[in-house]
C-alpha atoms as a PDB file:
ATOM      1  CA  MET A   1     121.168  98.708  73.574  1.00  0.00           C
ATOM      2  CA  ALA A   2     117.833  99.707  72.015  1.00  0.00           C
ATOM      3  CA  SER A   3     116.508  96.167  72.317  1.00  0.00           C
ATOM      4  CA  LEU A   4     117.450  96.106  76.005  1.00  0.00           C
ATOM      5  CA  ILE A   5     115.559  99.365  76.550  1.00  0.00           C
ATOM      6  CA  ASP A   6     112.564  97.953  74.651  1.00  0.00           C
ATOM      7  CA  CYS A   7     112.618  94.856  76.877  1.00  0.00           C
ATOM      8  CA  LEU A   8     112.781  97.064  79.963  1.00  0.00           C
ATOM      9  CA  ILE A   9     109.845  99.166  78.724  1.00  0.00           C
ATOM     10  CA  GLU A  10     107.831  96.017  77.967  1.00  0.00           C
ATOM     11  CA  ASP A  11     108.541  94.507  81.380  1.00  0.00           C
ATOM     12  CA  LEU A  12     107.702  97.781  83.144  1.00  0.00           C
ATOM     13  CA  THR A  13     104.440  97.943  81.174  1.00  0.00           C
ATOM     14  CA  ASN A  14     103.559  94.384  82.178  1.00  0.00           C
ATOM     15  CA  GLU A  15     104.489  95.113  85.784  1.00  0.00           C
ATOM     16  CA  ASN A  16     102.318  98.255  85.766  1.00  0.00           C
ATOM     17  CA  ASP A  17      99.390  96.278  84.307  1.00  0.00           C
ATOM     18  CA  GLY A  18      99.746  93.774  87.142  1.00  0.00           C
ATOM     19  CA  TYR A  19      99.795  96.530  89.747  1.00  0.00           C
ATOM     20  CA  GLU A  20      96.717  98.138  88.159  1.00  0.00           C
ATOM     21  CA  LYS A  21      94.902  94.799  88.501  1.00  0.00           C
ATOM     22  CA  LEU A  22      96.033  94.671  92.141  1.00  0.00           C
ATOM     23  CA  LEU A  23      94.723  98.222  92.610  1.00  0.00           C
ATOM     24  CA  SER A  24      91.344  97.161  91.241  1.00  0.00           C
ATOM     25  CA  LEU A  25      91.311  94.173  93.611  1.00  0.00           C
ATOM     26  CA  SER A  26      92.260  96.401  96.532  1.00  0.00           C
ATOM     27  CA  ASN A  27      89.303  98.656  95.757  1.00  0.00           C
ATOM     28  CA  GLU A  28      87.058  95.561  95.701  1.00  0.00           C
ATOM     29  CA  LYS A  29      88.614  94.555  99.001  1.00  0.00           C
ATOM     30  CA  THR A  30      87.647  97.928 100.488  1.00  0.00           C
ATOM     31  CA  SER A  31      83.980  97.392  99.662  1.00  0.00           C
ATOM     32  CA  ALA A  32      84.129  93.813 100.976  1.00  0.00           C
ATOM     33  CA  ILE A  33      85.661  95.009 104.259  1.00  0.00           C
ATOM     34  CA  VAL A  34      83.054  97.744 104.659  1.00  0.00           C
ATOM     35  CA  SER A  35      80.192  95.333 103.955  1.00  0.00           C
ATOM     36  CA  GLY A  36      81.741  92.602 106.137  1.00  0.00           C
ATOM     37  CA  ASN A  37      81.605  90.009 103.340  1.00  0.00           C
ATOM     38  CA  ILE A  38      84.151  87.429 104.528  1.00  0.00           C
ATOM     39  CA  GLU A  39      83.581  85.018 101.615  1.00  0.00           C
ATOM     40  CA  LYS A  40      84.302  87.752  99.074  1.00  0.00           C
ATOM     41  CA  LEU A  41      87.404  88.794 101.040  1.00  0.00           C
ATOM     42  CA  GLN A  42      88.685  85.221 100.948  1.00  0.00           C
ATOM     43  CA  GLU A  43      88.137  85.042  97.185  1.00  0.00           C
ATOM     44  CA  ILE A  44      89.882  88.399  96.705  1.00  0.00           C
ATOM     45  CA  PHE A  45      92.873  87.236  98.782  1.00  0.00           C
ATOM     46  CA  THR A  46      93.215  84.148  96.572  1.00  0.00           C
ATOM     47  CA  ARG A  47      93.123  86.213  93.362  1.00  0.00           C
ATOM     48  CA  GLU A  48      95.499  88.728  94.920  1.00  0.00           C
ATOM     49  CA  GLN A  49      98.092  86.031  95.680  1.00  0.00           C
ATOM     50  CA  LYS A  50      98.076  84.877  92.039  1.00  0.00           C
ATOM     51  CA  LEU A  51      98.520  88.451  90.827  1.00  0.00           C
ATOM     52  CA  ILE A  52     101.368  89.080  93.266  1.00  0.00           C
ATOM     53  CA  GLU A  53     103.187  86.019  91.940  1.00  0.00           C
ATOM     54  CA  GLU A  54     102.638  87.277  88.376  1.00  0.00           C
ATOM     55  CA  VAL A  55     103.951  90.754  89.215  1.00  0.00           C
ATOM     56  CA  ASP A  56     106.949  89.200  90.969  1.00  0.00           C
ATOM     57  CA  VAL A  57     107.944  87.495  87.694  1.00  0.00           C
ATOM     58  CA  TYR A  58     107.933  90.853  85.887  1.00  0.00           C
ATOM     59  CA  GLU A  59     109.849  92.465  88.740  1.00  0.00           C
ATOM     60  CA  LYS A  60     112.599  89.853  88.389  1.00  0.00           C
ATOM     61  CA  LYS A  61     112.663  90.399  84.616  1.00  0.00           C
ATOM     62  CA  ARG A  62     112.951  94.153  85.200  1.00  0.00           C
ATOM     63  CA  GLN A  63     115.896  93.616  87.521  1.00  0.00           C
ATOM     64  CA  GLU A  64     117.576  91.402  84.906  1.00  0.00           C
ATOM     65  CA  ASP A  65     116.976  94.055  82.234  1.00  0.00           C
ATOM     66  CA  VAL A  66     118.550  96.746  84.418  1.00  0.00           C
ATOM     67  CA  LYS A  67     121.491  94.440  85.142  1.00  0.00           C
ATOM     68  CA  ASP A  68     122.010  93.822  81.399  1.00  0.00           C
ATOM     69  CA  ILE A  69     121.839  97.550  80.642  1.00  0.00           C
ATOM     70  CA  CYS A  70     124.373  98.204  83.407  1.00  0.00           C
ATOM     71  CA  ASN A  71     126.705  95.588  81.914  1.00  0.00           C
ATOM     72  CA  VAL A  72     126.506  97.233  78.472  1.00  0.00           C
ATOM     73  CA  LEU A  73     127.068 100.716  79.906  1.00  0.00           C
ATOM     74  CA  ARG A  74     129.670  99.445  82.390  1.00  0.00           C
ATOM     75  CA  LEU A  75     127.802 100.867  85.375  1.00  0.00           C
ATOM     76  CA  PRO A  76     127.572  99.408  88.897  1.00  0.00           C
ATOM     77  CA  TYR A  77     124.262  97.527  89.087  1.00  0.00           C
ATOM     78  CA  GLU A  78     123.736  98.082  92.823  1.00  0.00           C
ATOM     79  CA  GLU A  79     123.570 101.868  92.479  1.00  0.00           C
ATOM     80  CA  ILE A  80     121.462 102.150  89.295  1.00  0.00           C
ATOM     81  CA  LYS A  81     117.699 102.602  89.265  1.00  0.00           C
ATOM     82  CA  VAL A  82     115.299 103.017  86.354  1.00  0.00           C
ATOM     83  CA  GLU A  83     115.256 106.779  86.884  1.00  0.00           C
ATOM     84  CA  HIS A  84     119.049 106.835  86.340  1.00  0.00           C
ATOM     85  CA  ILE A  85     118.617 104.988  83.046  1.00  0.00           C
ATOM     86  CA  VAL A  86     115.995 107.569  82.038  1.00  0.00           C
ATOM     87  CA  GLN A  87     118.553 110.331  82.694  1.00  0.00           C
ATOM     88  CA  ILE A  88     121.226 108.510  80.694  1.00  0.00           C
ATOM     89  CA  LEU A  89     118.859 108.253  77.699  1.00  0.00           C
ATOM     90  CA  GLU A  90     118.178 112.010  77.484  1.00  0.00           C
ATOM     91  CA  LYS A  91     119.884 112.226  74.078  1.00  0.00           C
ATOM     92  CA  LYS A  92     117.666 109.470  72.625  1.00  0.00           C
ATOM     93  CA  ALA A  93     114.274 111.167  72.741  1.00  0.00           C
ATOM     94  CA  LYS A  94     112.126 108.195  71.676  1.00  0.00           C
ATOM     95  CA  GLU A  95     113.468 105.722  74.225  1.00  0.00           C
ATOM     96  CA  HIS A  96     113.781 108.423  76.871  1.00  0.00           C
ATOM     97  CA  ASP A  97     110.154 109.522  76.559  1.00  0.00           C
ATOM     98  CA  ALA A  98     108.760 105.978  76.428  1.00  0.00           C
ATOM     99  CA  LEU A  99     110.791 104.840  79.434  1.00  0.00           C
ATOM    100  CA  GLN A 100     110.027 107.982  81.421  1.00  0.00           C
ATOM    101  CA  ASN A 101     106.277 107.705  80.712  1.00  0.00           C
ATOM    102  CA  ILE A 102     106.003 104.091  81.844  1.00  0.00           C
ATOM    103  CA  TYR A 103     108.255 104.777  84.843  1.00  0.00           C
ATOM    104  CA  LEU A 104     106.050 107.675  85.998  1.00  0.00           C
ATOM    105  CA  LYS A 105     102.888 105.669  85.302  1.00  0.00           C
ATOM    106  CA  LEU A 106     104.209 102.772  87.410  1.00  0.00           C
ATOM    107  CA  LYS A 107     105.166 105.182  90.180  1.00  0.00           C
ATOM    108  CA  ARG A 108     101.623 106.678  90.223  1.00  0.00           C
ATOM    109  CA  THR A 109     100.013 103.239  90.237  1.00  0.00           C
ATOM    110  CA  LEU A 110     102.172 102.133  93.166  1.00  0.00           C
ATOM    111  CA  SER A 111     101.357 105.322  95.048  1.00  0.00           C
ATOM    112  CA  GLN A 112      97.611 104.749  94.577  1.00  0.00           C
ATOM    113  CA  LEU A 113      97.951 101.087  95.562  1.00  0.00           C
ATOM    114  CA  THR A 114      99.828 102.054  98.722  1.00  0.00           C
ATOM    115  CA  ALA A 115      97.123 104.559  99.682  1.00  0.00           C
ATOM    116  CA  VAL A 116      94.282 102.068  99.134  1.00  0.00           C
ATOM    117  CA  ASN A 117      96.125  99.344 101.053  1.00  0.00           C
ATOM    118  CA  GLU A 118      96.774 101.731 103.947  1.00  0.00           C
ATOM    119  CA  ASN A 119      93.062 102.579 103.993  1.00  0.00           C
ATOM    120  CA  ASN A 120      92.184  98.859 103.977  1.00  0.00           C
ATOM    121  CA  LYS A 121      94.600  98.293 106.855  1.00  0.00           C
ATOM    122  CA  LEU A 122      92.860 100.987 108.914  1.00  0.00           C
ATOM    123  CA  LEU A 123      89.415  99.592 108.060  1.00  0.00           C
ATOM    124  CA  LEU A 124      90.483  96.094 109.117  1.00  0.00           C
ATOM    125  CA  LYS A 125      91.934  97.425 112.368  1.00  0.00           C
ATOM    126  CA  GLU A 126      88.683  99.249 113.121  1.00  0.00           C
ATOM    127  CA  SER A 127      86.707  96.091 112.351  1.00  0.00           C
ATOM    128  CA  MET A 128      88.920  94.056 114.670  1.00  0.00           C
ATOM    129  CA  ASP A 129      88.585  96.678 117.413  1.00  0.00           C
ATOM    130  CA  MET A 130      84.801  96.589 117.043  1.00  0.00           C
ATOM    131  CA  ILE A 131      84.763  92.787 117.260  1.00  0.00           C
ATOM    132  CA  GLN A 132      86.954  92.931 120.385  1.00  0.00           C
ATOM    133  CA  PHE A 133      84.613  95.527 121.905  1.00  0.00           C
ATOM    134  CA  GLU A 134      81.586  93.312 121.219  1.00  0.00           C
ATOM    135  CA  LEU A 135      83.359  90.284 122.721  1.00  0.00           C
ATOM    136  CA  ASP A 136      84.283  92.277 125.830  1.00  0.00           C
ATOM    137  CA  LEU A 137      80.716  93.517 126.107  1.00  0.00           C
ATOM    138  CA  ALA A 138      79.348  89.980 125.845  1.00  0.00           C
ATOM    139  CA  ARG A 139      81.864  88.670 128.394  1.00  0.00           C
ATOM    140  CA  ASN A 140      81.089  91.466 130.854  1.00  0.00           C
ATOM    141  CA  SER A 141      77.361  90.898 130.553  1.00  0.00           C
ATOM    142  CA  VAL A 142      77.726  87.462 132.168  1.00  0.00           C
ATOM    143  CA  LEU A 143      79.950  88.639 135.045  1.00  0.00           C
ATOM    144  CA  LYS A 144      78.526  89.977 138.256  1.00  0.00           C
ATOM    145  CA  PRO A 145      79.368  93.622 138.911  1.00  0.00           C
ATOM    146  CA  GLN A 146      82.562  94.242 140.855  1.00  0.00           C
ATOM    147  CA  THR A 147      81.697  95.289 144.386  1.00  0.00           C
ATOM    148  CA  GLY A 148      84.874  94.822 146.336  1.00  0.00           C
ATOM    149  CA  ASN A 149      84.276  91.088 146.738  1.00  0.00           C
ATOM    150  CA  TYR A 150      87.658  89.906 148.018  1.00  0.00           C
ATOM    151  CA  GLY A 151      88.479  86.272 148.674  1.00  0.00           C
ATOM    152  CA  ARG A 152      91.025  84.614 150.946  1.00  0.00           C
ATOM    153  CA  THR A 153      93.863  85.438 148.557  1.00  0.00           C
ATOM    154  CA  ALA A 154      93.153  89.185 148.861  1.00  0.00           C
ATOM    155  CA  TYR A 155      92.284  89.366 145.187  1.00  0.00           C
ATOM    156  CA  GLU A 156      88.918  90.433 143.909  1.00  0.00           C
ATOM    157  CA  GLU A 157      86.871  87.451 142.829  1.00  0.00           C
ATOM    158  CA  GLN A 158      84.609  87.572 139.813  1.00  0.00           C
ATOM    159  CA  GLU A 159      81.585  85.412 139.659  1.00  0.00           C
ATOM    160  CA  ILE A 160      79.529  84.493 136.641  1.00  0.00           C
ATOM    161  CA  THR A 161      75.828  85.185 136.902  1.00  0.00           C
ATOM    162  CA  GLY A 162      73.366  82.336 136.634  1.00  0.00           C
ATOM    163  CA  ALA A 163      71.838  83.460 133.341  1.00  0.00           C
ATOM    164  CA  THR A 164      74.490  83.072 130.669  1.00  0.00           C
ATOM    165  CA  GLY A 165      72.269  82.454 127.666  1.00  0.00           C
ATOM    166  CA  PHE A 166      69.194  83.798 125.989  1.00  0.00           C
ATOM    167  CA  ASP A 167      65.991  83.299 127.966  1.00  0.00           C
ATOM    168  CA  ALA A 168      63.112  82.828 125.520  1.00  0.00           C
ATOM    169  CA  LYS A 169      60.398  82.558 128.234  1.00  0.00           C
ATOM    170  CA  GLN A 170      60.530  86.183 129.338  1.00  0.00           C
END
């Protein structure tokens, strides 16, 4: 049983390390979004994908560890979480403390990562809204103003002005 707990602690530590690397990348992503550096964003996305695959391996190992512990303790796997295992180990102070510490550390890391990713999502949405605004502004600058110019179909017709590009001779 102790070796299973040690494996679980090791896999949780590795998983937390992966999430901390993802947190660092997400912070880099924030600065790249703010500065509008598309090349850096692309590079960060590539590195992020590799890290996600790495973390996924540790997540699967963690699930296997929990399943093995459940088999030894004869507990239903579907209902057991790491926090339940921490409660079960209350009488074994060493394993209990180590498992609880890494569990809480992983929980904090995931909370920080979620907050940074939510912030990045909002920044990207604002950037996309600004781009859409600029596109609308550019499109409207080449249309004639609407003056109640109705055609035969009883719909207002929009006409494009003659000058649609930059005039360098002005």
